[in-house]
Structure formats: C-alpha cells, structure tokens
Amino acid sequence: MNIDQTQHVRWMSIALEEARSAAAEGEIPVGCVIVHNDTIIAREHNRVEQRQDPTAHAELLAIQQAARVLRSRRLTDCTLYVTLEPCPMCAGAIVLARIPVVVFATPDPKAGAVASLYALLNDPRLNHRCTVVSGIAQDEAASLLKSFFQKIRQDKKSGSRKEGENLEPPG
C-alpha cells in the first residue's frame, strides 16, 4: 500500500467514525472530513433529521466549517473524505469550493453525482474538476448504510418508528 493509500485509509476511518455518530443519532450514516496540510480542519456527519434541513448533509456542513477555519470560500489545498458518494447538491458545493481531491468510500446508485448517475466533479463544461478516488473502506461504509436501512425497515414493520421518522435510502 503506498503512502497516499495509507493516508486515505487513515482519514476515511475518521469519516466512518462520523458516520457511526450519525447512525447513533438516527441520521443516515454519512460522515465527512476535510484535510488541509495533513490536519483535519472539519469533520461532520449528516444532521438532516436533527435540524429538519434537507441541506444539512455531512459534506455541506464540513465545507462550511472548513471555509470558516481557513477564512476562505476556496478550499484549494484540501482533500474531502466522505463515506458515501456525494449527491448533486454536495458535488455542486465541492465544485464551488474548488476542492481539488475528493475521496469517497461507497457509490450511491440512486443519487451519486460523482460517478454513479452523474460525473459533476469531472464535467469539462464546469470551471473546476477534481481528482476522485473511490472505494476506500467501501465494504465498511456500505455495511453501515445497509444495516441502518435494515433497522429502519424492521422498525417500520414493527410499528416502533415514530411519526415523522420516515427515513428512506438516499435517492
């Protein structure tokens, strides 16, 4: 394993910690970290249900945090690590923030805008493109998502899911 791969695994493991925190809070388990100069400057997880805000995705919250830390809307020397392939909204924010490297764990066949449904981060019509690395800790991230949604389906079936907690898989 080369040094880049080792670093990717290291940072993705922290994104997975964030994803587990999201699951523990009843959020879709997606975690994100942003690294600048070998230091985490932002770490977040989904907070859509908690905030009742459809834009409270891990990536957007982490981008906002990183922009505050660097006091810049451009995150040109950063790498974003996220456990699930970004959706169109998050991919758009990544482009606007000029993040040069995006590493995601598992694809999102229903809403993925990096490789699965769209390739926004490498669209030549846009003014910024990213280097994309995928598959880092893919099995762990996919397993976390799968077990989260299995539990939701079981809770719905048994009637233990509360009103307003109709979480569905992304997409």
N, C-alpha and C. Protein backbone atom coordinates (compact mmCIF):
# COMPACT_ATOMS: atom_id res chain seq x y z
N MET A 1 0.86 -1.18 0.00
CA MET A 1 0.00 0.00 0.00
C MET A 1 0.90 1.24 0.00
N ASN A 2 0.68 2.13 -0.94
CA ASN A 2 1.52 3.33 -0.99
C ASN A 2 1.10 4.34 0.07
N ILE A 3 1.90 5.39 0.23
CA ILE A 3 1.66 6.37 1.28
C ILE A 3 0.32 7.09 1.10
N ASP A 4 -0.05 7.41 -0.14
CA ASP A 4 -1.34 8.07 -0.37
C ASP A 4 -2.49 7.17 0.06
N GLN A 5 -2.39 5.92 -0.29
CA GLN A 5 -3.44 4.96 0.07
C GLN A 5 -3.54 4.84 1.59
N THR A 6 -2.40 4.80 2.27
CA THR A 6 -2.39 4.71 3.72
C THR A 6 -3.05 5.94 4.34
N GLN A 7 -2.74 7.10 3.81
CA GLN A 7 -3.36 8.34 4.30
C GLN A 7 -4.86 8.34 4.03
N HIS A 8 -5.25 7.90 2.85
CA HIS A 8 -6.68 7.84 2.53
C HIS A 8 -7.42 6.95 3.53
N VAL A 9 -6.85 5.80 3.85
CA VAL A 9 -7.47 4.89 4.81
C VAL A 9 -7.55 5.56 6.19
N ARG A 10 -6.50 6.24 6.58
CA ARG A 10 -6.46 6.93 7.88
C ARG A 10 -7.59 7.96 7.99
N TRP A 11 -7.72 8.82 6.99
CA TRP A 11 -8.73 9.88 7.05
C TRP A 11 -10.14 9.32 6.88
N MET A 12 -10.28 8.31 6.04
CA MET A 12 -11.60 7.71 5.85
C MET A 12 -12.08 7.03 7.12
N SER A 13 -11.17 6.49 7.90
CA SER A 13 -11.58 5.86 9.16
C SER A 13 -12.21 6.89 10.10
N ILE A 14 -11.76 8.13 10.03
CA ILE A 14 -12.35 9.19 10.86
C ILE A 14 -13.71 9.60 10.28
N ALA A 15 -13.82 9.63 8.96
CA ALA A 15 -15.13 9.89 8.34
C ALA A 15 -16.12 8.80 8.75
N LEU A 16 -15.65 7.57 8.84
CA LEU A 16 -16.52 6.47 9.27
C LEU A 16 -16.96 6.64 10.73
N GLU A 17 -16.08 7.19 11.58
CA GLU A 17 -16.48 7.50 12.96
C GLU A 17 -17.65 8.48 12.95
N GLU A 18 -17.54 9.49 12.09
CA GLU A 18 -18.62 10.47 11.97
C GLU A 18 -19.91 9.79 11.47
N ALA A 19 -19.78 8.87 10.52
CA ALA A 19 -20.95 8.15 10.01
C ALA A 19 -21.61 7.34 11.11
N ARG A 20 -20.81 6.71 11.95
CA ARG A 20 -21.37 5.94 13.07
C ARG A 20 -22.08 6.88 14.06
N SER A 21 -21.54 8.06 14.27
CA SER A 21 -22.21 9.05 15.12
C SER A 21 -23.56 9.43 14.53
N ALA A 22 -23.60 9.62 13.22
CA ALA A 22 -24.87 9.95 12.56
C ALA A 22 -25.89 8.85 12.79
N ALA A 23 -25.48 7.60 12.60
CA ALA A 23 -26.40 6.47 12.80
C ALA A 23 -26.92 6.42 14.23
N ALA A 24 -26.04 6.68 15.18
CA ALA A 24 -26.43 6.67 16.60
C ALA A 24 -27.46 7.76 16.90
N GLU A 25 -27.46 8.83 16.10
CA GLU A 25 -28.41 9.92 16.27
C GLU A 25 -29.66 9.76 15.40
N GLY A 26 -29.75 8.63 14.69
CA GLY A 26 -30.90 8.38 13.83
C GLY A 26 -30.81 9.05 12.47
N GLU A 27 -29.62 9.49 12.12
CA GLU A 27 -29.38 10.12 10.82
C GLU A 27 -28.83 9.08 9.85
N ILE A 28 -29.04 9.31 8.57
CA ILE A 28 -28.42 8.44 7.57
C ILE A 28 -26.91 8.50 7.80
N PRO A 29 -26.26 7.34 7.95
CA PRO A 29 -24.86 7.31 8.37
C PRO A 29 -23.88 7.71 7.27
N VAL A 30 -23.71 9.02 7.14
CA VAL A 30 -22.71 9.57 6.24
C VAL A 30 -21.83 10.50 7.05
N GLY A 31 -20.52 10.31 6.92
CA GLY A 31 -19.56 11.15 7.62
C GLY A 31 -18.58 11.75 6.64
N CYS A 32 -18.04 12.91 7.01
CA CYS A 32 -17.13 13.63 6.13
C CYS A 32 -16.04 14.31 6.95
N VAL A 33 -14.83 14.29 6.43
CA VAL A 33 -13.74 15.08 7.00
C VAL A 33 -13.05 15.83 5.87
N ILE A 34 -12.54 16.99 6.20
CA ILE A 34 -11.74 17.77 5.24
C ILE A 34 -10.37 17.96 5.85
N VAL A 35 -9.37 17.63 5.05
CA VAL A 35 -7.98 17.68 5.49
C VAL A 35 -7.24 18.77 4.74
N HIS A 36 -6.45 19.53 5.50
CA HIS A 36 -5.61 20.60 4.94
C HIS A 36 -4.24 20.49 5.59
N ASN A 37 -3.20 20.39 4.80
CA ASN A 37 -1.83 20.27 5.33
C ASN A 37 -1.71 19.16 6.37
N ASP A 38 -2.27 18.01 6.05
CA ASP A 38 -2.19 16.82 6.90
C ASP A 38 -2.87 17.00 8.26
N THR A 39 -3.85 17.90 8.31
CA THR A 39 -4.60 18.16 9.54
C THR A 39 -6.08 18.24 9.21
N ILE A 40 -6.90 17.62 10.04
CA ILE A 40 -8.34 17.74 9.86
C ILE A 40 -8.76 19.14 10.27
N ILE A 41 -9.43 19.83 9.36
CA ILE A 41 -9.93 21.17 9.68
C ILE A 41 -11.46 21.18 9.77
N ALA A 42 -12.08 20.07 9.39
CA ALA A 42 -13.53 19.97 9.50
C ALA A 42 -13.91 18.50 9.57
N ARG A 43 -14.88 18.21 10.40
CA ARG A 43 -15.44 16.85 10.47
C ARG A 43 -16.90 16.98 10.84
N GLU A 44 -17.73 16.29 10.09
CA GLU A 44 -19.18 16.40 10.28
C GLU A 44 -19.85 15.11 9.85
N HIS A 45 -21.13 15.03 10.21
CA HIS A 45 -21.98 13.94 9.74
C HIS A 45 -23.34 14.52 9.41
N ASN A 46 -24.15 13.72 8.75
CA ASN A 46 -25.49 14.18 8.38
C ASN A 46 -26.25 14.65 9.61
N ARG A 47 -27.00 15.74 9.44
CA ARG A 47 -27.83 16.29 10.52
C ARG A 47 -29.19 16.73 9.95
N VAL A 48 -29.62 16.07 8.89
CA VAL A 48 -30.86 16.43 8.20
C VAL A 48 -32.06 16.30 9.13
N GLU A 49 -32.18 15.18 9.81
CA GLU A 49 -33.33 14.94 10.70
C GLU A 49 -33.26 15.85 11.93
N GLN A 50 -32.09 15.93 12.51
CA GLN A 50 -31.90 16.74 13.72
C GLN A 50 -32.28 18.20 13.47
N ARG A 51 -31.86 18.73 12.33
CA ARG A 51 -32.11 20.14 12.01
C ARG A 51 -33.37 20.36 11.18
N GLN A 52 -33.95 19.25 10.70
CA GLN A 52 -35.08 19.32 9.76
C GLN A 52 -34.71 20.26 8.60
N ASP A 53 -33.55 20.00 8.06
CA ASP A 53 -32.97 20.82 6.99
C ASP A 53 -32.45 19.88 5.90
N PRO A 54 -33.07 19.89 4.73
CA PRO A 54 -32.64 18.97 3.67
C PRO A 54 -31.23 19.25 3.15
N THR A 55 -30.66 20.39 3.51
CA THR A 55 -29.29 20.69 3.05
C THR A 55 -28.23 20.35 4.10
N ALA A 56 -28.61 19.78 5.22
CA ALA A 56 -27.65 19.50 6.29
C ALA A 56 -26.92 18.18 6.07
N HIS A 57 -26.38 18.03 4.86
CA HIS A 57 -25.58 16.86 4.53
C HIS A 57 -24.17 17.03 5.12
N ALA A 58 -23.53 15.92 5.41
CA ALA A 58 -22.19 15.94 6.00
C ALA A 58 -21.22 16.80 5.20
N GLU A 59 -21.24 16.66 3.87
CA GLU A 59 -20.30 17.40 3.03
C GLU A 59 -20.51 18.91 3.14
N LEU A 60 -21.77 19.34 3.07
CA LEU A 60 -22.04 20.78 3.14
C LEU A 60 -21.65 21.35 4.48
N LEU A 61 -21.96 20.64 5.55
CA LEU A 61 -21.61 21.12 6.89
C LEU A 61 -20.09 21.18 7.05
N ALA A 62 -19.39 20.18 6.53
CA ALA A 62 -17.92 20.17 6.63
C ALA A 62 -17.30 21.28 5.77
N ILE A 63 -17.85 21.51 4.58
CA ILE A 63 -17.35 22.59 3.72
C ILE A 63 -17.54 23.94 4.41
N GLN A 64 -18.68 24.14 5.03
CA GLN A 64 -18.93 25.40 5.75
C GLN A 64 -17.93 25.57 6.89
N GLN A 65 -17.70 24.49 7.62
CA GLN A 65 -16.75 24.52 8.74
C GLN A 65 -15.33 24.82 8.25
N ALA A 66 -14.92 24.15 7.19
CA ALA A 66 -13.57 24.35 6.64
C ALA A 66 -13.39 25.78 6.12
N ALA A 67 -14.41 26.32 5.49
CA ALA A 67 -14.34 27.69 4.99
C ALA A 67 -14.16 28.68 6.14
N ARG A 68 -14.84 28.41 7.25
CA ARG A 68 -14.67 29.29 8.43
C ARG A 68 -13.25 29.18 8.98
N VAL A 69 -12.74 27.95 9.07
CA VAL A 69 -11.40 27.74 9.61
C VAL A 69 -10.35 28.44 8.75
N LEU A 70 -10.46 28.29 7.44
CA LEU A 70 -9.47 28.88 6.52
C LEU A 70 -9.79 30.34 6.17
N ARG A 71 -10.96 30.79 6.58
CA ARG A 71 -11.43 32.14 6.24
C ARG A 71 -11.37 32.37 4.73
N SER A 72 -11.86 31.36 4.03
CA SER A 72 -11.86 31.43 2.57
C SER A 72 -12.96 30.54 2.02
N ARG A 73 -13.61 31.00 0.96
CA ARG A 73 -14.62 30.17 0.30
C ARG A 73 -13.97 29.16 -0.63
N ARG A 74 -12.70 29.34 -0.88
CA ARG A 74 -11.96 28.41 -1.75
C ARG A 74 -11.09 27.49 -0.91
N LEU A 75 -11.34 26.22 -1.05
CA LEU A 75 -10.62 25.21 -0.28
C LEU A 75 -9.63 24.48 -1.19
N THR A 76 -8.78 25.27 -1.82
CA THR A 76 -7.93 24.77 -2.90
C THR A 76 -6.81 23.82 -2.47
N ASP A 77 -6.46 23.79 -1.21
CA ASP A 77 -5.40 22.88 -0.75
C ASP A 77 -5.95 21.80 0.16
N CYS A 78 -7.20 21.41 -0.06
CA CYS A 78 -7.87 20.47 0.83
C CYS A 78 -8.23 19.18 0.10
N THR A 79 -8.43 18.16 0.91
CA THR A 79 -8.98 16.89 0.42
C THR A 79 -10.22 16.59 1.25
N LEU A 80 -11.31 16.25 0.56
CA LEU A 80 -12.57 15.91 1.22
C LEU A 80 -12.72 14.40 1.21
N TYR A 81 -12.99 13.82 2.37
CA TYR A 81 -13.25 12.39 2.53
C TYR A 81 -14.70 12.22 2.96
N VAL A 82 -15.44 11.37 2.27
CA VAL A 82 -16.83 11.15 2.62
C VAL A 82 -17.17 9.68 2.42
N THR A 83 -18.03 9.16 3.29
CA THR A 83 -18.31 7.73 3.29
C THR A 83 -19.27 7.29 2.19
N LEU A 84 -20.04 8.23 1.62
CA LEU A 84 -20.97 7.91 0.54
C LEU A 84 -20.76 8.89 -0.61
N GLU A 85 -20.80 8.41 -1.81
CA GLU A 85 -20.65 9.26 -2.99
C GLU A 85 -21.56 10.49 -2.88
N PRO A 86 -21.02 11.68 -3.08
CA PRO A 86 -21.83 12.90 -2.96
C PRO A 86 -22.99 12.97 -3.96
N CYS A 87 -24.07 13.59 -3.48
CA CYS A 87 -25.25 13.83 -4.30
C CYS A 87 -25.01 15.07 -5.17
N PRO A 88 -25.93 15.42 -6.07
CA PRO A 88 -25.74 16.60 -6.91
C PRO A 88 -25.52 17.90 -6.12
N MET A 89 -26.27 18.07 -5.03
CA MET A 89 -26.13 19.29 -4.22
C MET A 89 -24.71 19.38 -3.64
N CYS A 90 -24.24 18.30 -3.08
CA CYS A 90 -22.92 18.30 -2.45
C CYS A 90 -21.81 18.39 -3.49
N ALA A 91 -21.99 17.71 -4.61
CA ALA A 91 -21.00 17.80 -5.69
C ALA A 91 -20.90 19.24 -6.19
N GLY A 92 -22.03 19.91 -6.30
CA GLY A 92 -22.01 21.32 -6.71
C GLY A 92 -21.25 22.17 -5.73
N ALA A 93 -21.45 21.94 -4.44
CA ALA A 93 -20.72 22.70 -3.42
C ALA A 93 -19.22 22.42 -3.48
N ILE A 94 -18.86 21.17 -3.76
CA ILE A 94 -17.45 20.80 -3.88
C ILE A 94 -16.81 21.57 -5.04
N VAL A 95 -17.50 21.64 -6.16
CA VAL A 95 -17.00 22.39 -7.32
C VAL A 95 -16.85 23.86 -6.95
N LEU A 96 -17.87 24.44 -6.33
CA LEU A 96 -17.82 25.86 -5.98
C LEU A 96 -16.72 26.17 -4.97
N ALA A 97 -16.42 25.22 -4.09
CA ALA A 97 -15.36 25.42 -3.09
C ALA A 97 -13.97 25.15 -3.67
N ARG A 98 -13.93 24.65 -4.91
CA ARG A 98 -12.66 24.36 -5.60
C ARG A 98 -11.81 23.31 -4.88
N ILE A 99 -12.48 22.34 -4.26
CA ILE A 99 -11.75 21.26 -3.59
C ILE A 99 -11.10 20.39 -4.66
N PRO A 100 -9.79 20.21 -4.61
CA PRO A 100 -9.11 19.50 -5.70
C PRO A 100 -9.19 17.98 -5.64
N VAL A 101 -9.34 17.40 -4.43
CA VAL A 101 -9.35 15.95 -4.31
C VAL A 101 -10.54 15.52 -3.45
N VAL A 102 -11.30 14.57 -3.97
CA VAL A 102 -12.44 14.00 -3.25
C VAL A 102 -12.26 12.50 -3.19
N VAL A 103 -12.36 11.97 -1.98
CA VAL A 103 -12.24 10.53 -1.75
C VAL A 103 -13.56 10.06 -1.14
N PHE A 104 -14.22 9.12 -1.81
CA PHE A 104 -15.45 8.58 -1.23
C PHE A 104 -15.35 7.07 -1.11
N ALA A 105 -16.07 6.54 -0.11
CA ALA A 105 -15.97 5.13 0.20
C ALA A 105 -16.82 4.27 -0.72
N THR A 106 -18.12 4.54 -0.74
CA THR A 106 -19.02 3.65 -1.47
C THR A 106 -19.91 4.45 -2.43
N PRO A 107 -20.21 3.87 -3.57
CA PRO A 107 -21.07 4.57 -4.54
C PRO A 107 -22.51 4.66 -4.06
N ASP A 108 -23.23 5.62 -4.62
CA ASP A 108 -24.65 5.80 -4.34
C ASP A 108 -25.39 5.66 -5.66
N PRO A 109 -25.89 4.45 -5.97
CA PRO A 109 -26.52 4.22 -7.26
C PRO A 109 -27.82 5.00 -7.47
N LYS A 110 -28.41 5.53 -6.40
CA LYS A 110 -29.68 6.27 -6.54
C LYS A 110 -29.50 7.78 -6.62
N ALA A 111 -28.38 8.30 -6.10
CA ALA A 111 -28.22 9.76 -6.08
C ALA A 111 -26.79 10.22 -6.30
N GLY A 112 -25.89 9.32 -6.62
CA GLY A 112 -24.48 9.68 -6.76
C GLY A 112 -24.21 10.59 -7.94
N ALA A 113 -23.53 11.68 -7.67
CA ALA A 113 -23.26 12.67 -8.72
C ALA A 113 -21.78 12.79 -9.04
N VAL A 114 -20.99 11.82 -8.61
CA VAL A 114 -19.56 11.81 -8.90
C VAL A 114 -19.22 10.75 -9.93
N ALA A 115 -19.89 9.61 -9.85
CA ALA A 115 -19.61 8.52 -10.78
C ALA A 115 -20.85 7.71 -11.15
N SER A 116 -21.77 7.52 -10.22
CA SER A 116 -22.90 6.61 -10.44
C SER A 116 -23.93 7.12 -11.44
N LEU A 117 -24.52 8.28 -11.18
CA LEU A 117 -25.54 8.83 -12.08
C LEU A 117 -24.98 9.97 -12.94
N TYR A 118 -24.12 10.75 -12.32
CA TYR A 118 -23.52 11.92 -12.99
C TYR A 118 -22.03 11.92 -12.69
N ALA A 119 -21.31 12.74 -13.40
CA ALA A 119 -19.87 12.92 -13.15
C ALA A 119 -19.59 14.41 -13.03
N LEU A 120 -20.28 15.05 -12.10
CA LEU A 120 -20.17 16.51 -11.96
C LEU A 120 -18.76 16.97 -11.63
N LEU A 121 -18.02 16.18 -10.87
CA LEU A 121 -16.69 16.63 -10.46
C LEU A 121 -15.66 16.57 -11.58
N ASN A 122 -16.05 15.96 -12.69
CA ASN A 122 -15.14 15.90 -13.84
C ASN A 122 -15.81 16.35 -15.13
N ASP A 123 -16.85 17.12 -15.01
CA ASP A 123 -17.57 17.61 -16.18
C ASP A 123 -16.76 18.74 -16.82
N PRO A 124 -16.33 18.57 -18.07
CA PRO A 124 -15.49 19.59 -18.71
C PRO A 124 -16.20 20.92 -18.96
N ARG A 125 -17.54 20.92 -18.83
CA ARG A 125 -18.29 22.17 -19.01
C ARG A 125 -18.21 23.07 -17.79
N LEU A 126 -17.79 22.51 -16.67
CA LEU A 126 -17.67 23.31 -15.44
C LEU A 126 -16.26 23.89 -15.33
N ASN A 127 -16.12 24.91 -14.49
CA ASN A 127 -14.84 25.60 -14.40
C ASN A 127 -13.87 24.97 -13.39
N HIS A 128 -14.24 23.86 -12.78
CA HIS A 128 -13.35 23.18 -11.83
C HIS A 128 -13.57 21.68 -11.94
N ARG A 129 -12.49 20.94 -11.89
CA ARG A 129 -12.56 19.49 -11.88
C ARG A 129 -11.74 18.96 -10.72
N CYS A 130 -12.11 17.79 -10.23
CA CYS A 130 -11.46 17.18 -9.07
C CYS A 130 -10.81 15.86 -9.43
N THR A 131 -9.79 15.55 -8.70
CA THR A 131 -9.28 14.19 -8.71
C THR A 131 -10.18 13.40 -7.78
N VAL A 132 -10.67 12.27 -8.26
CA VAL A 132 -11.60 11.46 -7.46
C VAL A 132 -10.97 10.10 -7.19
N VAL A 133 -11.04 9.70 -5.93
CA VAL A 133 -10.60 8.37 -5.50
C VAL A 133 -11.81 7.72 -4.86
N SER A 134 -12.11 6.49 -5.25
CA SER A 134 -13.27 5.82 -4.65
C SER A 134 -12.87 4.44 -4.16
N GLY A 135 -13.72 3.89 -3.31
CA GLY A 135 -13.53 2.52 -2.84
C GLY A 135 -12.71 2.38 -1.57
N ILE A 136 -12.28 3.47 -0.97
CA ILE A 136 -11.54 3.40 0.29
C ILE A 136 -12.53 3.05 1.40
N ALA A 137 -12.33 1.92 2.07
CA ALA A 137 -13.22 1.43 3.13
C ALA A 137 -14.65 1.23 2.62
N GLN A 138 -14.77 0.84 1.37
CA GLN A 138 -16.09 0.67 0.75
C GLN A 138 -16.96 -0.33 1.48
N ASP A 139 -16.42 -1.47 1.82
CA ASP A 139 -17.23 -2.52 2.46
C ASP A 139 -17.79 -2.05 3.79
N GLU A 140 -16.96 -1.38 4.58
CA GLU A 140 -17.41 -0.91 5.89
C GLU A 140 -18.50 0.15 5.75
N ALA A 141 -18.30 1.10 4.84
CA ALA A 141 -19.30 2.16 4.64
C ALA A 141 -20.61 1.59 4.11
N ALA A 142 -20.53 0.68 3.15
CA ALA A 142 -21.73 0.07 2.59
C ALA A 142 -22.47 -0.76 3.64
N SER A 143 -21.72 -1.47 4.45
CA SER A 143 -22.33 -2.29 5.51
C SER A 143 -23.05 -1.42 6.53
N LEU A 144 -22.45 -0.30 6.89
CA LEU A 144 -23.07 0.63 7.84
C LEU A 144 -24.40 1.15 7.29
N LEU A 145 -24.40 1.54 6.03
CA LEU A 145 -25.64 2.03 5.40
C LEU A 145 -26.69 0.92 5.32
N LYS A 146 -26.27 -0.24 4.89
CA LYS A 146 -27.20 -1.36 4.74
C LYS A 146 -27.85 -1.72 6.07
N SER A 147 -27.07 -1.84 7.13
CA SER A 147 -27.65 -2.21 8.41
C SER A 147 -28.54 -1.10 8.97
N PHE A 148 -28.19 0.16 8.70
CA PHE A 148 -29.03 1.28 9.13
C PHE A 148 -30.41 1.19 8.49
N PHE A 149 -30.46 0.98 7.18
CA PHE A 149 -31.75 0.92 6.49
C PHE A 149 -32.52 -0.37 6.79
N GLN A 150 -31.80 -1.46 7.07
CA GLN A 150 -32.49 -2.68 7.50
C GLN A 150 -33.21 -2.43 8.82
N LYS A 151 -32.54 -1.74 9.74
CA LYS A 151 -33.14 -1.43 11.04
C LYS A 151 -34.37 -0.53 10.86
N ILE A 152 -34.28 0.44 9.98
CA ILE A 152 -35.43 1.33 9.73
C ILE A 152 -36.61 0.52 9.20
N ARG A 153 -36.34 -0.38 8.26
CA ARG A 153 -37.42 -1.20 7.71
C ARG A 153 -38.04 -2.09 8.80
N GLN A 154 -37.19 -2.67 9.66
CA GLN A 154 -37.70 -3.50 10.75
C GLN A 154 -38.53 -2.67 11.72
N ASP A 155 -38.06 -1.48 12.06
CA ASP A 155 -38.79 -0.60 12.97
C ASP A 155 -40.13 -0.19 12.39
N LYS A 156 -40.16 0.09 11.08
CA LYS A 156 -41.43 0.45 10.43
C LYS A 156 -42.39 -0.72 10.49
N LYS A 157 -41.87 -1.91 10.21
CA LYS A 157 -42.69 -3.11 10.20
C LYS A 157 -43.29 -3.39 11.57
N SER A 158 -42.48 -3.18 12.61
CA SER A 158 -42.94 -3.46 13.97
C SER A 158 -43.74 -2.30 14.57
N GLY A 159 -43.76 -1.18 13.86
CA GLY A 159 -44.50 -0.02 14.35
C GLY A 159 -43.76 0.81 15.38
N SER A 160 -42.48 0.54 15.59
CA SER A 160 -41.73 1.28 16.60
C SER A 160 -41.11 2.57 16.07
N ARG A 161 -41.28 2.81 14.79
CA ARG A 161 -40.76 4.05 14.20
C ARG A 161 -41.76 5.17 14.49
N LYS A 162 -41.29 6.30 14.99
CA LYS A 162 -42.14 7.43 15.37
C LYS A 162 -42.65 8.18 14.14
N GLU A 163 -43.73 8.90 14.33
CA GLU A 163 -44.29 9.75 13.28
C GLU A 163 -43.23 10.75 12.84
N GLY A 164 -43.10 10.96 11.55
CA GLY A 164 -42.13 11.92 11.03
C GLY A 164 -40.75 11.33 10.84
N GLU A 165 -40.55 10.10 11.24
CA GLU A 165 -39.25 9.46 11.08
C GLU A 165 -39.29 8.50 9.89
N ASN A 166 -39.64 9.01 8.77
CA ASN A 166 -39.77 8.17 7.58
C ASN A 166 -38.51 8.24 6.73
N LEU A 167 -37.40 7.94 7.33
CA LEU A 167 -36.15 7.96 6.58
C LEU A 167 -36.17 6.90 5.50
N GLU A 168 -35.76 7.29 4.35
CA GLU A 168 -35.67 6.38 3.22
C GLU A 168 -34.23 6.38 2.74
N PRO A 169 -33.83 5.32 2.04
CA PRO A 169 -32.48 5.31 1.48
C PRO A 169 -32.29 6.54 0.59
N PRO A 170 -31.04 7.02 0.48
CA PRO A 170 -30.78 8.19 -0.37
C PRO A 170 -31.29 7.96 -1.78
N GLY A 171 -31.77 9.03 -2.39
CA GLY A 171 -32.18 8.97 -3.80
C GLY A 171 -33.64 8.90 -4.02
